Amino acid sequence: MSFHSDYDPLEAKVTLILLGVSLWCLFFTIIAYLPAKELLRTRSVRINLLLVSSLMFSVIVFYFMERVVATNIQENDVPLEANTASTPCTTVAFLMNYFWLC
């Protein structure tokens, strides 16, 4: 397995900035619904809030994934094809799949 790629630090910074903007917008979506008590009783608003919260957690897990990968690369602990993935990597993969499929 080869990790050589055309990595561009600018793309990584733009990704993190735009994901941060997305996270704030999702947070403000939840804040906007909280004062409307009558709307919170409708099924469509509850489904929307569950979707928004699931997307928020998936973005947070994505940020955590970046840290796990950076730590594995710094420690030179990149798994080969014959090795199994580390526990943090497996945890992040499980959480990413869970929150994207919620």
C-alpha atoms as a PDB file:
ATOM      1  CA  MET A   1       0.000   0.000   0.000  1.00  0.00           C
ATOM      2  CA  SER A   2       1.482   3.303  -1.038  1.00  0.00           C
ATOM      3  CA  PHE A   3       0.736   6.640   0.591  1.00  0.00           C
ATOM      4  CA  HIS A   4       2.406   8.776  -2.059  1.00  0.00           C
ATOM      5  CA  SER A   5      -0.013  11.308  -3.464  1.00  0.00           C
ATOM      6  CA  ASP A   6      -0.269  14.841  -4.720  1.00  0.00           C
ATOM      7  CA  TYR A   7      -0.964  16.213  -1.238  1.00  0.00           C
ATOM      8  CA  ASP A   8      -1.620  19.933  -1.272  1.00  0.00           C
ATOM      9  CA  PRO A   9      -1.556  21.720   2.117  1.00  0.00           C
ATOM     10  CA  LEU A  10      -3.779  24.470   0.711  1.00  0.00           C
ATOM     11  CA  GLU A  11      -6.515  21.945  -0.055  1.00  0.00           C
ATOM     12  CA  ALA A  12      -6.281  20.620   3.494  1.00  0.00           C
ATOM     13  CA  LYS A  13      -6.650  24.110   4.965  1.00  0.00           C
ATOM     14  CA  VAL A  14      -9.599  24.942   2.696  1.00  0.00           C
ATOM     15  CA  THR A  15     -11.245  21.643   3.658  1.00  0.00           C
ATOM     16  CA  LEU A  16     -10.852  22.332   7.366  1.00  0.00           C
ATOM     17  CA  ILE A  17     -12.105  25.913   7.035  1.00  0.00           C
ATOM     18  CA  LEU A  18     -15.175  24.932   5.014  1.00  0.00           C
ATOM     19  CA  LEU A  19     -15.965  22.052   7.347  1.00  0.00           C
ATOM     20  CA  GLY A  20     -15.737  24.500  10.245  1.00  0.00           C
ATOM     21  CA  VAL A  21     -18.190  26.826   8.509  1.00  0.00           C
ATOM     22  CA  SER A  22     -20.488  23.872   7.885  1.00  0.00           C
ATOM     23  CA  LEU A  23     -20.270  22.840  11.537  1.00  0.00           C
ATOM     24  CA  TRP A  24     -21.207  26.332  12.717  1.00  0.00           C
ATOM     25  CA  CYS A  25     -24.148  26.504  10.300  1.00  0.00           C
ATOM     26  CA  LEU A  26     -25.420  23.138  11.522  1.00  0.00           C
ATOM     27  CA  PHE A  27     -25.074  24.323  15.110  1.00  0.00           C
ATOM     28  CA  PHE A  28     -27.026  27.500  14.356  1.00  0.00           C
ATOM     29  CA  THR A  29     -29.731  25.425  12.654  1.00  0.00           C
ATOM     30  CA  ILE A  30     -30.297  23.620  15.938  1.00  0.00           C
ATOM     31  CA  ILE A  31     -30.271  26.926  17.831  1.00  0.00           C
ATOM     32  CA  ALA A  32     -32.840  28.381  15.422  1.00  0.00           C
ATOM     33  CA  TYR A  33     -35.311  25.554  16.073  1.00  0.00           C
ATOM     34  CA  LEU A  34     -35.063  25.535  19.869  1.00  0.00           C
ATOM     35  CA  PRO A  35     -37.247  28.626  20.602  1.00  0.00           C
ATOM     36  CA  ALA A  36     -40.113  27.332  18.427  1.00  0.00           C
ATOM     37  CA  LYS A  37     -41.719  24.864  20.840  1.00  0.00           C
ATOM     38  CA  GLU A  38     -44.719  24.191  18.612  1.00  0.00           C
ATOM     39  CA  LEU A  39     -42.506  23.341  15.655  1.00  0.00           C
ATOM     40  CA  LEU A  40     -40.522  20.878  17.756  1.00  0.00           C
ATOM     41  CA  ARG A  41     -43.644  18.740  18.082  1.00  0.00           C
ATOM     42  CA  THR A  42     -43.889  18.123  14.336  1.00  0.00           C
ATOM     43  CA  ARG A  43     -42.330  15.026  12.855  1.00  0.00           C
ATOM     44  CA  SER A  44     -40.552  16.820   9.997  1.00  0.00           C
ATOM     45  CA  VAL A  45     -38.710  19.187  12.358  1.00  0.00           C
ATOM     46  CA  ARG A  46     -37.644  16.317  14.608  1.00  0.00           C
ATOM     47  CA  ILE A  47     -36.348  14.398  11.601  1.00  0.00           C
ATOM     48  CA  ASN A  48     -34.501  17.516  10.436  1.00  0.00           C
ATOM     49  CA  LEU A  49     -32.924  17.961  13.873  1.00  0.00           C
ATOM     50  CA  LEU A  50     -31.814  14.325  13.925  1.00  0.00           C
ATOM     51  CA  LEU A  51     -30.271  14.744  10.480  1.00  0.00           C
ATOM     52  CA  VAL A  52     -28.507  17.957  11.514  1.00  0.00           C
ATOM     53  CA  SER A  53     -27.153  16.395  14.699  1.00  0.00           C
ATOM     54  CA  SER A  54     -25.949  13.338  12.787  1.00  0.00           C
ATOM     55  CA  LEU A  55     -24.155  15.562  10.268  1.00  0.00           C
ATOM     56  CA  MET A  56     -22.596  17.566  13.107  1.00  0.00           C
ATOM     57  CA  PHE A  57     -21.207  14.434  14.733  1.00  0.00           C
ATOM     58  CA  SER A  58     -19.908  13.135  11.398  1.00  0.00           C
ATOM     59  CA  VAL A  59     -17.989  16.395  10.819  1.00  0.00           C
ATOM     60  CA  ILE A  60     -16.547  16.185  14.329  1.00  0.00           C
ATOM     61  CA  VAL A  61     -15.477  12.576  13.700  1.00  0.00           C
ATOM     62  CA  PHE A  62     -13.931  13.687  10.400  1.00  0.00           C
ATOM     63  CA  TYR A  63     -11.808  16.220  12.297  1.00  0.00           C
ATOM     64  CA  PHE A  64     -10.814  13.471  14.717  1.00  0.00           C
ATOM     65  CA  MET A  65      -9.897  11.237  11.771  1.00  0.00           C
ATOM     66  CA  GLU A  66      -7.462  13.877  10.526  1.00  0.00           C
ATOM     67  CA  ARG A  67      -5.749  13.847  13.937  1.00  0.00           C
ATOM     68  CA  VAL A  68      -5.560  10.044  14.019  1.00  0.00           C
ATOM     69  CA  VAL A  69      -4.003   9.877  10.558  1.00  0.00           C
ATOM     70  CA  ALA A  70      -1.517  12.657  11.372  1.00  0.00           C
ATOM     71  CA  THR A  71      -0.526  10.880  14.593  1.00  0.00           C
ATOM     72  CA  ASN A  72      -0.060   7.558  12.790  1.00  0.00           C
ATOM     73  CA  ILE A  73       2.126   9.209  10.153  1.00  0.00           C
ATOM     74  CA  GLN A  74       4.258  11.055  12.749  1.00  0.00           C
ATOM     75  CA  GLU A  75       4.783   7.857  14.730  1.00  0.00           C
ATOM     76  CA  ASN A  76       5.521   5.988  11.497  1.00  0.00           C
ATOM     77  CA  ASP A  77       2.713   3.601  12.428  1.00  0.00           C
ATOM     78  CA  VAL A  78       1.076   3.425   9.012  1.00  0.00           C
ATOM     79  CA  PRO A  79      -0.409  -0.069   8.656  1.00  0.00           C
ATOM     80  CA  LEU A  80       0.729  -2.184   5.741  1.00  0.00           C
ATOM     81  CA  GLU A  81      -1.542  -4.491   3.777  1.00  0.00           C
ATOM     82  CA  ALA A  82      -0.661  -7.453   6.003  1.00  0.00           C
ATOM     83  CA  ASN A  83      -1.185  -5.547   9.270  1.00  0.00           C
ATOM     84  CA  THR A  84      -4.471  -4.790  10.926  1.00  0.00           C
ATOM     85  CA  ALA A  85      -5.646  -1.244  11.488  1.00  0.00           C
ATOM     86  CA  SER A  86      -5.006   0.467  14.798  1.00  0.00           C
ATOM     87  CA  THR A  87      -7.751   0.769  17.392  1.00  0.00           C
ATOM     88  CA  PRO A  88      -8.241   4.549  16.908  1.00  0.00           C
ATOM     89  CA  CYS A  89      -8.480   4.028  13.152  1.00  0.00           C
ATOM     90  CA  THR A  90     -11.058   1.280  13.554  1.00  0.00           C
ATOM     91  CA  THR A  91     -13.056   3.411  15.993  1.00  0.00           C
ATOM     92  CA  VAL A  92     -13.076   6.367  13.608  1.00  0.00           C
ATOM     93  CA  ALA A  93     -14.141   4.141  10.713  1.00  0.00           C
ATOM     94  CA  PHE A  94     -17.013   2.706  12.778  1.00  0.00           C
ATOM     95  CA  LEU A  95     -18.204   6.150  13.882  1.00  0.00           C
ATOM     96  CA  MET A  96     -17.973   7.618  10.380  1.00  0.00           C
ATOM     97  CA  ASN A  97     -20.095   4.801   8.969  1.00  0.00           C
ATOM     98  CA  TYR A  98     -22.589   5.060  11.821  1.00  0.00           C
ATOM     99  CA  PHE A  99     -23.138   8.811  11.598  1.00  0.00           C
ATOM    100  CA  TRP A 100     -23.303   8.916   7.792  1.00  0.00           C
ATOM    101  CA  LEU A 101     -25.867   6.112   7.764  1.00  0.00           C
ATOM    102  CA  CYS A 102     -28.049   7.418  10.616  1.00  0.00           C
END
